[in-house]
Amino acid sequence: MSTFRSIVFSSVIAGLVVGAIVTVIQQFGTVPLILKAEVFEKAAEAHKTEPVAAGSQSTVAAHDHAEHEHATEAWEPSDGLERNAYTAAANVLTAIGFALLLAAFFALRTGNVGSHVSWHEGLMWGLAGFTIFTIAPGLGLPPELPGVPAAPLLSRQIWWVVAALATAGGLGLIFFRRSAPASIAGLILIILPHLIGAPELEHVETNVPTSLSHQFVVAVTLTSLVFWSMLGGLTSVVFSYFDTNTQVNET
C-alpha cells in the first residue's frame, strides 16, 4: 500500500506541475497557430454553407436547419478563460495519467534492483515515452490543424494505437532482451506499422497554408519533447523522495 501511495502522490504532483508548464508553453507555441487555422476553417465553412441567392424557401430552410444541427453537435468552449481552462485541465489529466505509467515502471525497477531511480534515468524513460507516443505515430499521422481534412477518426485511432504499441514492444525487445535476434525482432516490430501505412485521404483540399501546418507540426513536436522530458525527470525525483520516506518510516 505504501508503494501505491508513492506512485499516486508522485504522479499527481508531477502531473500538476508539468501540465501547468506545458499549458503556458502552448499559449506561445501551438495556440496561436490553431487560432490562425480556425480563421481559414470558419471562412471555408461560411463559403460552403452560404445559401444560393436564387434558392427556394425550402432551400433556405434546409440550410438553417443544417446550421442549427451543426451548432448543436459541434460545441466548443468560448475563447479566452474558458478555453484555456479546458486546455489546462486536459494537459494536467494527461500528464497525471502518463506519470502513473512512469511511476509504476519506477516502482517495478526499484523493487527488482533495490535502488532508487535517478533523475537522468527518469529523463531517459521520458524520452522513450516521447518516442513511443509522439515520434512513432507522428511519422504516419502528423499533428493536424483545424480545417485540414483527414481520414476517418476510427481508422486513425486504430493505427495510432498499433504504432505506439509496436514501438513500445520493439524498444522493450531491443533494450531489455539485449540479444541480436531480439533486437532484429524489435526493429521489425517498430517498422511494421509504417510499412502497412497510416490511413490517409487520396485528395486533400484545404485553404489552410502548408507553411502553417509545418509550423504546427514543429511546435507540437517540440512541446511534446518538453512535456515528456520534464515528466520523466520530475516523476522520478518525486517518486524517489516518497519512496525513500516510505522505506525510512517502515524501518
C-alpha atoms as a PDB file:
ATOM      1  CA  MET A   1       0.000   0.000   0.000  1.00  0.00           C
ATOM      2  CA  SER A   2       2.897   2.371   0.746  1.00  0.00           C
ATOM      3  CA  THR A   3       4.343   1.863  -2.756  1.00  0.00           C
ATOM      4  CA  PHE A   4       0.936   2.512  -4.266  1.00  0.00           C
ATOM      5  CA  ARG A   5       0.710   5.744  -2.272  1.00  0.00           C
ATOM      6  CA  SER A   6       4.138   6.822  -3.561  1.00  0.00           C
ATOM      7  CA  ILE A   7       3.045   6.133  -7.136  1.00  0.00           C
ATOM      8  CA  VAL A   8      -0.167   8.156  -6.786  1.00  0.00           C
ATOM      9  CA  PHE A   9       1.335  11.103  -4.913  1.00  0.00           C
ATOM     10  CA  SER A  10       4.325  11.439  -7.242  1.00  0.00           C
ATOM     11  CA  SER A  11       2.105  11.174 -10.328  1.00  0.00           C
ATOM     12  CA  VAL A  12      -0.325  13.831  -9.145  1.00  0.00           C
ATOM     13  CA  ILE A  13       2.441  16.285  -8.177  1.00  0.00           C
ATOM     14  CA  ALA A  14       4.435  15.751 -11.369  1.00  0.00           C
ATOM     15  CA  GLY A  15       1.288  15.860 -13.495  1.00  0.00           C
ATOM     16  CA  LEU A  16       0.105  19.131 -11.988  1.00  0.00           C
ATOM     17  CA  VAL A  17       3.475  20.830 -12.435  1.00  0.00           C
ATOM     18  CA  VAL A  18       4.187  19.559 -15.949  1.00  0.00           C
ATOM     19  CA  GLY A  19       0.606  20.081 -17.137  1.00  0.00           C
ATOM     20  CA  ALA A  20       0.647  23.697 -15.944  1.00  0.00           C
ATOM     21  CA  ILE A  21       4.028  24.442 -17.537  1.00  0.00           C
ATOM     22  CA  VAL A  22       3.055  22.854 -20.856  1.00  0.00           C
ATOM     23  CA  THR A  23      -0.177  24.868 -20.885  1.00  0.00           C
ATOM     24  CA  VAL A  24       1.863  28.076 -20.626  1.00  0.00           C
ATOM     25  CA  ILE A  25       4.210  26.901 -23.386  1.00  0.00           C
ATOM     26  CA  GLN A  26       1.245  26.136 -25.645  1.00  0.00           C
ATOM     27  CA  GLN A  27      -0.032  29.699 -25.309  1.00  0.00           C
ATOM     28  CA  PHE A  28       3.087  30.872 -27.143  1.00  0.00           C
ATOM     29  CA  GLY A  29       3.561  27.882 -29.477  1.00  0.00           C
ATOM     30  CA  THR A  30       0.584  25.862 -30.664  1.00  0.00           C
ATOM     31  CA  VAL A  31      -2.396  28.019 -29.626  1.00  0.00           C
ATOM     32  CA  PRO A  32      -1.607  30.996 -31.922  1.00  0.00           C
ATOM     33  CA  LEU A  33      -1.244  28.601 -34.862  1.00  0.00           C
ATOM     34  CA  ILE A  34      -4.575  26.914 -34.038  1.00  0.00           C
ATOM     35  CA  LEU A  35      -6.319  30.279 -33.852  1.00  0.00           C
ATOM     36  CA  LYS A  36      -4.902  31.239 -37.248  1.00  0.00           C
ATOM     37  CA  ALA A  37      -6.050  27.946 -38.764  1.00  0.00           C
ATOM     38  CA  GLU A  38      -9.544  28.386 -37.307  1.00  0.00           C
ATOM     39  CA  VAL A  39      -9.877  31.639 -39.243  1.00  0.00           C
ATOM     40  CA  PHE A  40      -9.341  29.723 -42.507  1.00  0.00           C
ATOM     41  CA  GLU A  41     -11.628  26.901 -41.321  1.00  0.00           C
ATOM     42  CA  LYS A  42     -14.518  29.244 -40.480  1.00  0.00           C
ATOM     43  CA  ALA A  43     -14.085  31.103 -43.747  1.00  0.00           C
ATOM     44  CA  ALA A  44     -14.323  27.830 -45.682  1.00  0.00           C
ATOM     45  CA  GLU A  45     -17.393  26.729 -43.706  1.00  0.00           C
ATOM     46  CA  ALA A  46     -19.103  30.061 -44.300  1.00  0.00           C
ATOM     47  CA  HIS A  47     -18.439  29.745 -48.021  1.00  0.00           C
ATOM     48  CA  LYS A  48     -19.831  26.199 -48.166  1.00  0.00           C
ATOM     49  CA  THR A  49     -22.988  26.957 -46.175  1.00  0.00           C
ATOM     50  CA  GLU A  50     -23.758  30.213 -47.996  1.00  0.00           C
ATOM     51  CA  PRO A  51     -27.302  29.855 -49.413  1.00  0.00           C
ATOM     52  CA  VAL A  52     -27.831  30.266 -53.157  1.00  0.00           C
ATOM     53  CA  ALA A  53     -29.257  33.712 -53.979  1.00  0.00           C
ATOM     54  CA  ALA A  54     -31.993  32.315 -56.242  1.00  0.00           C
ATOM     55  CA  GLY A  55     -32.747  29.390 -53.982  1.00  0.00           C
ATOM     56  CA  SER A  56     -36.260  28.500 -52.964  1.00  0.00           C
ATOM     57  CA  GLN A  57     -37.681  28.958 -49.469  1.00  0.00           C
ATOM     58  CA  SER A  58     -37.220  25.269 -48.744  1.00  0.00           C
ATOM     59  CA  THR A  59     -33.532  25.502 -49.644  1.00  0.00           C
ATOM     60  CA  VAL A  60     -33.011  28.328 -47.173  1.00  0.00           C
ATOM     61  CA  ALA A  61     -34.975  26.457 -44.504  1.00  0.00           C
ATOM     62  CA  ALA A  62     -32.873  23.339 -45.050  1.00  0.00           C
ATOM     63  CA  HIS A  63     -29.738  25.449 -44.783  1.00  0.00           C
ATOM     64  CA  ASP A  64     -30.932  26.965 -41.480  1.00  0.00           C
ATOM     65  CA  HIS A  65     -31.786  23.512 -40.144  1.00  0.00           C
ATOM     66  CA  ALA A  66     -28.336  22.164 -41.105  1.00  0.00           C
ATOM     67  CA  GLU A  67     -26.702  25.182 -39.485  1.00  0.00           C
ATOM     68  CA  HIS A  68     -28.694  24.578 -36.281  1.00  0.00           C
ATOM     69  CA  GLU A  69     -27.706  20.890 -36.200  1.00  0.00           C
ATOM     70  CA  HIS A  70     -24.045  21.768 -36.801  1.00  0.00           C
ATOM     71  CA  ALA A  71     -24.084  24.327 -33.985  1.00  0.00           C
ATOM     72  CA  THR A  72     -25.712  21.807 -31.666  1.00  0.00           C
ATOM     73  CA  GLU A  73     -23.296  18.970 -32.414  1.00  0.00           C
ATOM     74  CA  ALA A  74     -20.044  20.937 -32.713  1.00  0.00           C
ATOM     75  CA  TRP A  75     -19.978  22.571 -29.273  1.00  0.00           C
ATOM     76  CA  GLU A  76     -16.718  24.140 -28.283  1.00  0.00           C
ATOM     77  CA  PRO A  77     -15.645  26.277 -25.329  1.00  0.00           C
ATOM     78  CA  SER A  78     -15.614  30.023 -25.829  1.00  0.00           C
ATOM     79  CA  ASP A  79     -12.312  31.752 -26.475  1.00  0.00           C
ATOM     80  CA  GLY A  80     -10.378  33.141 -23.568  1.00  0.00           C
ATOM     81  CA  LEU A  81     -10.521  31.918 -19.988  1.00  0.00           C
ATOM     82  CA  GLU A  82     -12.945  29.022 -20.598  1.00  0.00           C
ATOM     83  CA  ARG A  83     -10.928  27.586 -23.458  1.00  0.00           C
ATOM     84  CA  ASN A  84      -7.646  27.964 -21.573  1.00  0.00           C
ATOM     85  CA  ALA A  85      -9.165  26.293 -18.518  1.00  0.00           C
ATOM     86  CA  TYR A  86     -10.264  23.251 -20.538  1.00  0.00           C
ATOM     87  CA  THR A  87      -6.829  23.085 -22.169  1.00  0.00           C
ATOM     88  CA  ALA A  88      -5.080  23.239 -18.794  1.00  0.00           C
ATOM     89  CA  ALA A  89      -7.364  20.553 -17.334  1.00  0.00           C
ATOM     90  CA  ALA A  90      -6.738  18.259 -20.296  1.00  0.00           C
ATOM     91  CA  ASN A  91      -2.967  18.773 -20.054  1.00  0.00           C
ATOM     92  CA  VAL A  92      -2.911  18.093 -16.305  1.00  0.00           C
ATOM     93  CA  LEU A  93      -5.045  14.950 -16.597  1.00  0.00           C
ATOM     94  CA  THR A  94      -2.915  13.674 -19.478  1.00  0.00           C
ATOM     95  CA  ALA A  95       0.278  14.349 -17.541  1.00  0.00           C
ATOM     96  CA  ILE A  96      -1.066  12.586 -14.441  1.00  0.00           C
ATOM     97  CA  GLY A  97      -2.095   9.566 -16.496  1.00  0.00           C
ATOM     98  CA  PHE A  98       1.290   9.169 -18.151  1.00  0.00           C
ATOM     99  CA  ALA A  99       3.059   9.904 -14.841  1.00  0.00           C
ATOM    100  CA  LEU A 100       1.163   6.967 -13.311  1.00  0.00           C
ATOM    101  CA  LEU A 101       2.612   4.702 -16.000  1.00  0.00           C
ATOM    102  CA  LEU A 102       6.123   6.037 -15.426  1.00  0.00           C
ATOM    103  CA  ALA A 103       5.874   5.763 -11.641  1.00  0.00           C
ATOM    104  CA  ALA A 104       4.620   2.186 -11.959  1.00  0.00           C
ATOM    105  CA  PHE A 105       7.681   1.318 -14.042  1.00  0.00           C
ATOM    106  CA  PHE A 106       9.904   3.049 -11.491  1.00  0.00           C
ATOM    107  CA  ALA A 107       8.309   1.001  -8.706  1.00  0.00           C
ATOM    108  CA  LEU A 108       8.980  -2.233 -10.593  1.00  0.00           C
ATOM    109  CA  ARG A 109      12.555  -1.181 -11.263  1.00  0.00           C
ATOM    110  CA  THR A 110      13.324  -0.275  -7.640  1.00  0.00           C
ATOM    111  CA  GLY A 111      11.642  -3.468  -6.465  1.00  0.00           C
ATOM    112  CA  ASN A 112      13.761  -5.620  -8.753  1.00  0.00           C
ATOM    113  CA  VAL A 113      17.062  -3.825  -8.387  1.00  0.00           C
ATOM    114  CA  GLY A 114      16.694  -2.428  -4.883  1.00  0.00           C
ATOM    115  CA  SER A 115      17.871   1.085  -5.761  1.00  0.00           C
ATOM    116  CA  HIS A 116      16.290   4.455  -6.444  1.00  0.00           C
ATOM    117  CA  VAL A 117      15.593   5.899  -9.870  1.00  0.00           C
ATOM    118  CA  SER A 118      17.830   8.876 -10.656  1.00  0.00           C
ATOM    119  CA  TRP A 119      16.549  11.945 -12.482  1.00  0.00           C
ATOM    120  CA  HIS A 120      18.616  11.195 -15.597  1.00  0.00           C
ATOM    121  CA  GLU A 121      17.214   7.656 -15.718  1.00  0.00           C
ATOM    122  CA  GLY A 122      13.759   9.176 -15.409  1.00  0.00           C
ATOM    123  CA  LEU A 123      14.682  11.514 -18.253  1.00  0.00           C
ATOM    124  CA  MET A 124      15.564   8.516 -20.440  1.00  0.00           C
ATOM    125  CA  TRP A 125      12.191   6.940 -19.642  1.00  0.00           C
ATOM    126  CA  GLY A 126      10.567  10.218 -20.594  1.00  0.00           C
ATOM    127  CA  LEU A 127      12.411  10.285 -23.915  1.00  0.00           C
ATOM    128  CA  ALA A 128      11.232   6.720 -24.511  1.00  0.00           C
ATOM    129  CA  GLY A 129       7.671   7.919 -23.950  1.00  0.00           C
ATOM    130  CA  PHE A 130       8.301  10.765 -26.403  1.00  0.00           C
ATOM    131  CA  THR A 131       9.469   8.241 -28.995  1.00  0.00           C
ATOM    132  CA  ILE A 132       6.523   5.908 -28.404  1.00  0.00           C
ATOM    133  CA  PHE A 133       3.680   8.410 -28.210  1.00  0.00           C
ATOM    134  CA  THR A 134       4.907  11.279 -30.410  1.00  0.00           C
ATOM    135  CA  ILE A 135       7.646  10.343 -32.880  1.00  0.00           C
ATOM    136  CA  ALA A 136       6.397   6.913 -33.969  1.00  0.00           C
ATOM    137  CA  PRO A 137       2.715   7.822 -34.537  1.00  0.00           C
ATOM    138  CA  GLY A 138       3.659  11.255 -35.866  1.00  0.00           C
ATOM    139  CA  LEU A 139       5.679   9.760 -38.719  1.00  0.00           C
ATOM    140  CA  GLY A 140       2.450   8.391 -40.178  1.00  0.00           C
ATOM    141  CA  LEU A 141      -0.121  10.752 -38.696  1.00  0.00           C
ATOM    142  CA  PRO A 142       1.444  14.165 -38.092  1.00  0.00           C
ATOM    143  CA  PRO A 143      -0.500  16.648 -35.950  1.00  0.00           C
ATOM    144  CA  GLU A 144      -3.170  18.432 -37.982  1.00  0.00           C
ATOM    145  CA  LEU A 145      -4.631  21.894 -37.699  1.00  0.00           C
ATOM    146  CA  PRO A 146      -8.374  22.634 -37.748  1.00  0.00           C
ATOM    147  CA  GLY A 147      -9.652  22.859 -41.288  1.00  0.00           C
ATOM    148  CA  VAL A 148      -7.317  20.201 -42.679  1.00  0.00           C
ATOM    149  CA  PRO A 149      -9.274  17.134 -43.912  1.00  0.00           C
ATOM    150  CA  ALA A 150      -8.175  13.758 -42.535  1.00  0.00           C
ATOM    151  CA  ALA A 151      -9.035  10.077 -42.840  1.00  0.00           C
ATOM    152  CA  PRO A 152     -11.902   8.683 -40.698  1.00  0.00           C
ATOM    153  CA  LEU A 153     -11.218   9.095 -36.984  1.00  0.00           C
ATOM    154  CA  LEU A 154     -11.622   5.435 -36.006  1.00  0.00           C
ATOM    155  CA  SER A 155      -9.109   4.177 -38.566  1.00  0.00           C
ATOM    156  CA  ARG A 156      -6.602   6.827 -37.491  1.00  0.00           C
ATOM    157  CA  GLN A 157      -7.075   5.944 -33.827  1.00  0.00           C
ATOM    158  CA  ILE A 158      -6.542   2.244 -34.512  1.00  0.00           C
ATOM    159  CA  TRP A 159      -3.347   2.878 -36.480  1.00  0.00           C
ATOM    160  CA  TRP A 160      -2.075   5.296 -33.812  1.00  0.00           C
ATOM    161  CA  VAL A 161      -2.557   2.726 -31.042  1.00  0.00           C
ATOM    162  CA  VAL A 162      -0.950  -0.031 -33.124  1.00  0.00           C
ATOM    163  CA  ALA A 163       2.064   2.174 -33.922  1.00  0.00           C
ATOM    164  CA  ALA A 164       2.524   3.147 -30.258  1.00  0.00           C
ATOM    165  CA  LEU A 165       2.211  -0.450 -29.004  1.00  0.00           C
ATOM    166  CA  ALA A 166       4.540  -1.770 -31.698  1.00  0.00           C
ATOM    167  CA  THR A 167       7.140   0.877 -30.878  1.00  0.00           C
ATOM    168  CA  ALA A 168       6.887   0.152 -27.144  1.00  0.00           C
ATOM    169  CA  GLY A 169       7.231  -3.574 -27.763  1.00  0.00           C
ATOM    170  CA  GLY A 170      10.135  -3.071 -30.165  1.00  0.00           C
ATOM    171  CA  LEU A 171      12.039  -0.836 -27.759  1.00  0.00           C
ATOM    172  CA  GLY A 172      11.422  -3.350 -24.981  1.00  0.00           C
ATOM    173  CA  LEU A 173      12.917  -6.155 -27.058  1.00  0.00           C
ATOM    174  CA  ILE A 174      15.929  -4.032 -28.003  1.00  0.00           C
ATOM    175  CA  PHE A 175      16.815  -2.624 -24.592  1.00  0.00           C
ATOM    176  CA  PHE A 176      15.631  -5.333 -22.194  1.00  0.00           C
ATOM    177  CA  ARG A 177      16.388  -8.575 -24.017  1.00  0.00           C
ATOM    178  CA  ARG A 178      19.793  -7.370 -25.293  1.00  0.00           C
ATOM    179  CA  SER A 179      20.332 -10.064 -27.907  1.00  0.00           C
ATOM    180  CA  ALA A 180      20.755  -9.940 -31.668  1.00  0.00           C
ATOM    181  CA  PRO A 181      17.548 -11.881 -32.514  1.00  0.00           C
ATOM    182  CA  ALA A 182      15.527  -9.763 -30.073  1.00  0.00           C
ATOM    183  CA  SER A 183      16.957  -6.540 -31.495  1.00  0.00           C
ATOM    184  CA  ILE A 184      16.115  -7.610 -35.061  1.00  0.00           C
ATOM    185  CA  ALA A 185      12.591  -8.580 -33.999  1.00  0.00           C
ATOM    186  CA  GLY A 186      12.254  -5.250 -32.200  1.00  0.00           C
ATOM    187  CA  LEU A 187      13.283  -3.272 -35.275  1.00  0.00           C
ATOM    188  CA  ILE A 188      10.846  -5.220 -37.447  1.00  0.00           C
ATOM    189  CA  LEU A 189       8.081  -4.575 -34.931  1.00  0.00           C
ATOM    190  CA  ILE A 190       8.796  -0.834 -34.905  1.00  0.00           C
ATOM    191  CA  ILE A 191       8.894  -0.574 -38.698  1.00  0.00           C
ATOM    192  CA  LEU A 192       5.876  -2.809 -39.401  1.00  0.00           C
ATOM    193  CA  PRO A 193       3.066  -0.231 -38.841  1.00  0.00           C
ATOM    194  CA  HIS A 194       4.837   2.197 -41.167  1.00  0.00           C
ATOM    195  CA  LEU A 195       5.206  -0.467 -43.844  1.00  0.00           C
ATOM    196  CA  ILE A 196       1.457  -1.063 -43.632  1.00  0.00           C
ATOM    197  CA  GLY A 197       0.906   2.676 -43.808  1.00  0.00           C
ATOM    198  CA  ALA A 198      -1.290   5.081 -41.906  1.00  0.00           C
ATOM    199  CA  PRO A 199      -4.806   5.814 -43.207  1.00  0.00           C
ATOM    200  CA  GLU A 200      -4.899   8.945 -45.321  1.00  0.00           C
ATOM    201  CA  LEU A 201      -7.110  10.662 -47.866  1.00  0.00           C
ATOM    202  CA  GLU A 202      -6.295  10.417 -51.557  1.00  0.00           C
ATOM    203  CA  HIS A 203      -7.112  14.068 -52.205  1.00  0.00           C
ATOM    204  CA  VAL A 204      -6.784  16.763 -49.558  1.00  0.00           C
ATOM    205  CA  GLU A 205      -8.298  20.163 -50.328  1.00  0.00           C
ATOM    206  CA  THR A 206      -7.837  22.887 -47.741  1.00  0.00           C
ATOM    207  CA  ASN A 207      -7.278  26.616 -47.648  1.00  0.00           C
ATOM    208  CA  VAL A 208      -5.013  26.288 -44.600  1.00  0.00           C
ATOM    209  CA  PRO A 209      -1.486  27.246 -45.760  1.00  0.00           C
ATOM    210  CA  THR A 210       1.045  24.434 -45.886  1.00  0.00           C
ATOM    211  CA  SER A 211       3.594  26.572 -44.076  1.00  0.00           C
ATOM    212  CA  LEU A 212       1.182  26.943 -41.152  1.00  0.00           C
ATOM    213  CA  SER A 213       0.764  23.169 -40.964  1.00  0.00           C
ATOM    214  CA  HIS A 214       4.538  22.677 -40.958  1.00  0.00           C
ATOM    215  CA  GLN A 215       4.950  25.205 -38.160  1.00  0.00           C
ATOM    216  CA  PHE A 216       2.263  23.399 -36.181  1.00  0.00           C
ATOM    217  CA  VAL A 217       3.974  20.019 -36.542  1.00  0.00           C
ATOM    218  CA  VAL A 218       7.258  21.511 -35.308  1.00  0.00           C
ATOM    219  CA  ALA A 219       5.570  23.316 -32.408  1.00  0.00           C
ATOM    220  CA  VAL A 220       3.642  20.223 -31.284  1.00  0.00           C
ATOM    221  CA  THR A 221       6.733  18.019 -31.506  1.00  0.00           C
ATOM    222  CA  LEU A 222       8.905  20.419 -29.502  1.00  0.00           C
ATOM    223  CA  THR A 223       6.152  20.895 -26.900  1.00  0.00           C
ATOM    224  CA  SER A 224       5.804  17.137 -26.578  1.00  0.00           C
ATOM    225  CA  LEU A 225       9.557  16.805 -26.150  1.00  0.00           C
ATOM    226  CA  VAL A 226       9.452  19.294 -23.266  1.00  0.00           C
ATOM    227  CA  PHE A 227       6.412  17.513 -21.818  1.00  0.00           C
ATOM    228  CA  TRP A 228       7.994  14.055 -21.778  1.00  0.00           C
ATOM    229  CA  SER A 229      11.449  15.228 -20.685  1.00  0.00           C
ATOM    230  CA  MET A 230      10.039  17.128 -17.720  1.00  0.00           C
ATOM    231  CA  LEU A 231       7.533  14.401 -16.868  1.00  0.00           C
ATOM    232  CA  GLY A 232      10.168  11.652 -16.820  1.00  0.00           C
ATOM    233  CA  GLY A 233      12.690  13.620 -14.791  1.00  0.00           C
ATOM    234  CA  LEU A 234      10.246  15.141 -12.316  1.00  0.00           C
ATOM    235  CA  THR A 235       8.261  11.943 -11.749  1.00  0.00           C
ATOM    236  CA  SER A 236      11.457  10.043 -10.961  1.00  0.00           C
ATOM    237  CA  VAL A 237      12.614  12.694  -8.476  1.00  0.00           C
ATOM    238  CA  VAL A 238       9.293  12.943  -6.661  1.00  0.00           C
ATOM    239  CA  PHE A 239       8.777   9.174  -6.661  1.00  0.00           C
ATOM    240  CA  SER A 240      12.256   8.612  -5.203  1.00  0.00           C
ATOM    241  CA  TYR A 241      11.500  11.179  -2.491  1.00  0.00           C
ATOM    242  CA  PHE A 242       8.261   9.496  -1.416  1.00  0.00           C
ATOM    243  CA  ASP A 243       9.743   6.014  -1.800  1.00  0.00           C
ATOM    244  CA  THR A 244      12.717   6.924   0.419  1.00  0.00           C
ATOM    245  CA  ASN A 245      10.466   8.376   3.114  1.00  0.00           C
ATOM    246  CA  THR A 246       8.294   5.285   2.974  1.00  0.00           C
ATOM    247  CA  GLN A 247      11.254   2.978   3.486  1.00  0.00           C
ATOM    248  CA  VAL A 248      12.508   5.115   6.389  1.00  0.00           C
ATOM    249  CA  ASN A 249       9.113   5.034   8.078  1.00  0.00           C
ATOM    250  CA  GLU A 250       8.847   1.273   7.636  1.00  0.00           C
ATOM    251  CA  THR A 251      12.248   0.762   9.312  1.00  0.00           C
END
